[in-house]
N, C-alpha and C. Protein backbone atom coordinates (compact mmCIF):
# COMPACT_ATOMS: atom_id res chain seq x y z
N MET A 1 95.79 73.37 127.95
CA MET A 1 96.81 72.64 128.61
C MET A 1 98.53 73.21 128.47
N ARG A 2 99.33 73.21 129.37
CA ARG A 2 100.69 73.80 129.28
C ARG A 2 101.61 72.61 128.84
N PHE A 3 102.49 73.13 127.65
CA PHE A 3 103.19 72.25 126.81
C PHE A 3 104.23 71.83 128.11
N PRO A 4 104.57 70.67 128.30
CA PRO A 4 105.48 69.90 129.32
C PRO A 4 106.93 70.17 129.01
N PHE A 5 107.76 71.38 129.17
CA PHE A 5 108.84 71.76 128.82
C PHE A 5 109.65 71.15 129.91
N THR A 6 109.48 71.52 130.91
CA THR A 6 110.31 70.75 131.99
C THR A 6 110.65 69.33 131.82
N PHE A 7 109.31 68.53 131.65
CA PHE A 7 109.50 67.17 131.22
C PHE A 7 110.74 66.85 130.02
N MET A 8 110.55 67.52 129.22
CA MET A 8 111.15 67.48 127.80
C MET A 8 112.58 67.60 127.96
N GLY A 9 112.89 68.72 128.87
CA GLY A 9 114.24 69.32 129.47
C GLY A 9 114.82 67.96 129.92
N PHE A 10 114.15 67.20 131.04
CA PHE A 10 114.95 66.18 131.76
C PHE A 10 114.93 64.89 130.44
N MET A 11 114.00 64.82 129.80
CA MET A 11 114.19 63.62 128.74
C MET A 11 115.42 64.24 127.82
N ALA A 12 115.62 65.30 127.35
CA ALA A 12 116.99 65.54 126.76
C ALA A 12 118.19 65.37 127.21
N LEU A 13 118.23 65.50 128.84
CA LEU A 13 119.31 65.23 129.46
C LEU A 13 119.56 63.84 129.54
N GLY A 14 118.63 63.11 129.62
CA GLY A 14 118.50 61.49 129.66
C GLY A 14 119.17 60.85 128.36
N LEU A 15 118.53 61.23 127.47
CA LEU A 15 119.11 60.83 125.95
C LEU A 15 120.50 61.15 125.67
N GLY A 16 121.06 62.43 126.01
CA GLY A 16 122.19 62.75 125.55
C GLY A 16 122.96 62.13 126.60
N LEU A 17 122.76 61.57 127.69
CA LEU A 17 123.49 60.37 128.48
C LEU A 17 123.71 59.32 127.79
N TRP A 18 122.14 58.87 127.26
CA TRP A 18 122.35 57.49 126.81
C TRP A 18 123.04 57.47 125.36
N VAL A 19 123.22 58.58 124.68
CA VAL A 19 124.00 58.65 123.41
C VAL A 19 125.76 58.32 123.81
N LEU A 20 126.11 59.28 125.09
CA LEU A 20 127.34 59.08 125.57
C LEU A 20 127.63 57.73 126.02
N VAL A 21 126.70 57.14 126.91
CA VAL A 21 127.07 55.67 127.09
C VAL A 21 127.12 54.90 125.97
N TYR A 22 126.23 54.88 124.85
CA TYR A 22 126.49 54.15 123.87
C TYR A 22 127.74 54.38 122.73
N LEU A 23 127.93 55.49 123.03
CA LEU A 23 129.47 55.82 122.20
C LEU A 23 130.48 55.05 122.90
N ALA A 24 130.52 55.35 124.31
CA ALA A 24 131.55 54.70 125.29
C ALA A 24 131.95 53.27 124.90
N GLY A 25 130.71 52.65 124.63
CA GLY A 25 130.59 51.04 124.46
C GLY A 25 130.81 50.52 122.72
N HIS A 26 130.87 51.28 121.97
CA HIS A 26 130.78 50.75 120.42
C HIS A 26 131.75 51.82 120.05
N GLU A 27 131.96 51.20 118.64
CA GLU A 27 133.46 51.87 117.85
C GLU A 27 132.43 52.40 116.60
N LEU A 28 132.20 53.45 116.45
CA LEU A 28 131.52 53.85 115.14
C LEU A 28 132.60 54.58 114.21
N GLU A 29 131.94 54.79 113.03
CA GLU A 29 132.93 55.25 111.78
C GLU A 29 132.89 57.02 112.23
N PRO A 30 134.12 57.50 111.99
CA PRO A 30 134.02 58.98 112.15
C PRO A 30 133.07 59.84 112.15
N GLY A 31 132.04 59.72 110.68
CA GLY A 31 130.91 60.63 110.53
C GLY A 31 129.80 60.07 111.23
N SER A 32 129.55 58.87 111.85
CA SER A 32 128.62 58.43 112.67
C SER A 32 129.08 59.12 113.98
N ARG A 33 130.08 59.30 114.50
CA ARG A 33 130.48 59.45 115.86
C ARG A 33 130.58 61.08 115.62
N GLY A 34 130.52 61.72 115.14
CA GLY A 34 130.48 63.24 114.62
C GLY A 34 129.02 63.54 115.15
N ILE A 35 128.09 63.06 114.09
CA ILE A 35 126.63 63.04 114.23
C ILE A 35 125.94 62.94 115.90
N ALA A 36 126.59 61.68 116.35
CA ALA A 36 126.17 61.44 117.88
C ALA A 36 126.51 62.48 118.59
N ILE A 37 127.86 62.90 118.61
CA ILE A 37 128.46 64.03 119.41
C ILE A 37 127.47 65.21 119.26
N LEU A 38 127.27 65.78 117.91
CA LEU A 38 126.29 66.70 117.57
C LEU A 38 124.90 66.71 118.32
N ALA A 39 124.34 65.33 118.20
CA ALA A 39 123.16 65.09 118.77
C ALA A 39 123.24 65.36 120.63
N VAL A 40 124.56 65.03 120.93
CA VAL A 40 124.17 65.08 122.59
C VAL A 40 124.45 66.76 122.80
N VAL A 41 125.35 67.48 122.00
CA VAL A 41 125.50 68.88 122.42
C VAL A 41 123.98 69.54 121.81
N LEU A 42 123.08 69.09 120.98
CA LEU A 42 121.83 69.93 120.72
C LEU A 42 121.08 69.32 122.02
N LEU A 43 120.93 68.10 122.31
CA LEU A 43 120.09 67.72 123.46
C LEU A 43 120.43 68.57 124.70
N TRP A 44 121.70 68.73 125.25
CA TRP A 44 122.03 69.42 126.24
C TRP A 44 121.97 70.67 126.44
N GLY A 45 122.35 71.40 124.93
CA GLY A 45 122.05 72.79 125.09
C GLY A 45 120.19 73.03 125.02
N PHE A 46 119.43 72.20 124.48
CA PHE A 46 117.78 72.62 124.85
C PHE A 46 117.68 72.18 125.94
N ALA A 47 118.32 71.26 126.64
CA ALA A 47 118.02 71.05 128.16
C ALA A 47 118.14 72.54 129.22
N ALA A 48 119.25 72.69 128.84
CA ALA A 48 120.20 73.78 129.70
C ALA A 48 119.19 75.17 129.43
N TYR A 49 118.57 75.28 128.06
CA TYR A 49 117.78 76.38 128.23
C TYR A 49 116.41 75.97 128.62
N VAL A 50 116.08 74.86 128.74
CA VAL A 50 114.70 74.82 129.07
C VAL A 50 114.79 74.49 130.57
N LEU A 51 115.58 74.23 131.14
CA LEU A 51 115.39 73.85 132.68
C LEU A 51 115.97 75.38 133.46
N ILE A 52 116.92 75.91 132.84
CA ILE A 52 117.46 77.22 133.49
C ILE A 52 116.60 78.30 133.38
N ARG A 53 115.78 78.04 132.21
CA ARG A 53 114.42 79.18 131.97
C ARG A 53 113.28 78.95 133.02
N ARG A 54 113.52 77.51 133.20
CA ARG A 54 112.42 77.28 134.55
C ARG A 54 112.47 77.54 135.90
N VAL A 55 114.10 77.50 135.96
CA VAL A 55 114.57 78.06 137.53
C VAL A 55 114.50 79.41 137.57
N ARG A 56 114.67 80.15 136.67
CA ARG A 56 114.71 81.85 136.77
C ARG A 56 113.45 82.24 137.06
N ARG A 57 112.68 81.93 135.89
CA ARG A 57 111.34 82.66 135.43
C ARG A 57 110.34 81.91 136.33
N GLY A 58 110.27 80.73 137.15
CA GLY A 58 109.37 79.73 137.92
C GLY A 58 108.46 78.98 136.86
N PRO A 59 107.53 78.25 137.68
CA PRO A 59 106.59 77.53 136.81
C PRO A 59 105.62 77.83 135.84
N GLN A 60 105.39 79.02 135.99
CA GLN A 60 104.06 79.60 135.15
C GLN A 60 104.58 80.39 133.63
N HIS A 61 106.27 80.40 133.68
CA HIS A 61 106.65 80.93 132.65
C HIS A 61 107.13 79.89 131.52
């Protein structure tokens, strides 16, 4: 069975967006806000890697 990396990429995009929407609606302490922003950067970085790799190499790689 192939691991569903494309699905994981789309989920990472969605989770990153969800965290940003949460940040926009809530006031957090600076440390918590920094951790949340770091999570968004990591999620979107992973999503970009997975989805760009999928587009360049095709569905079998």
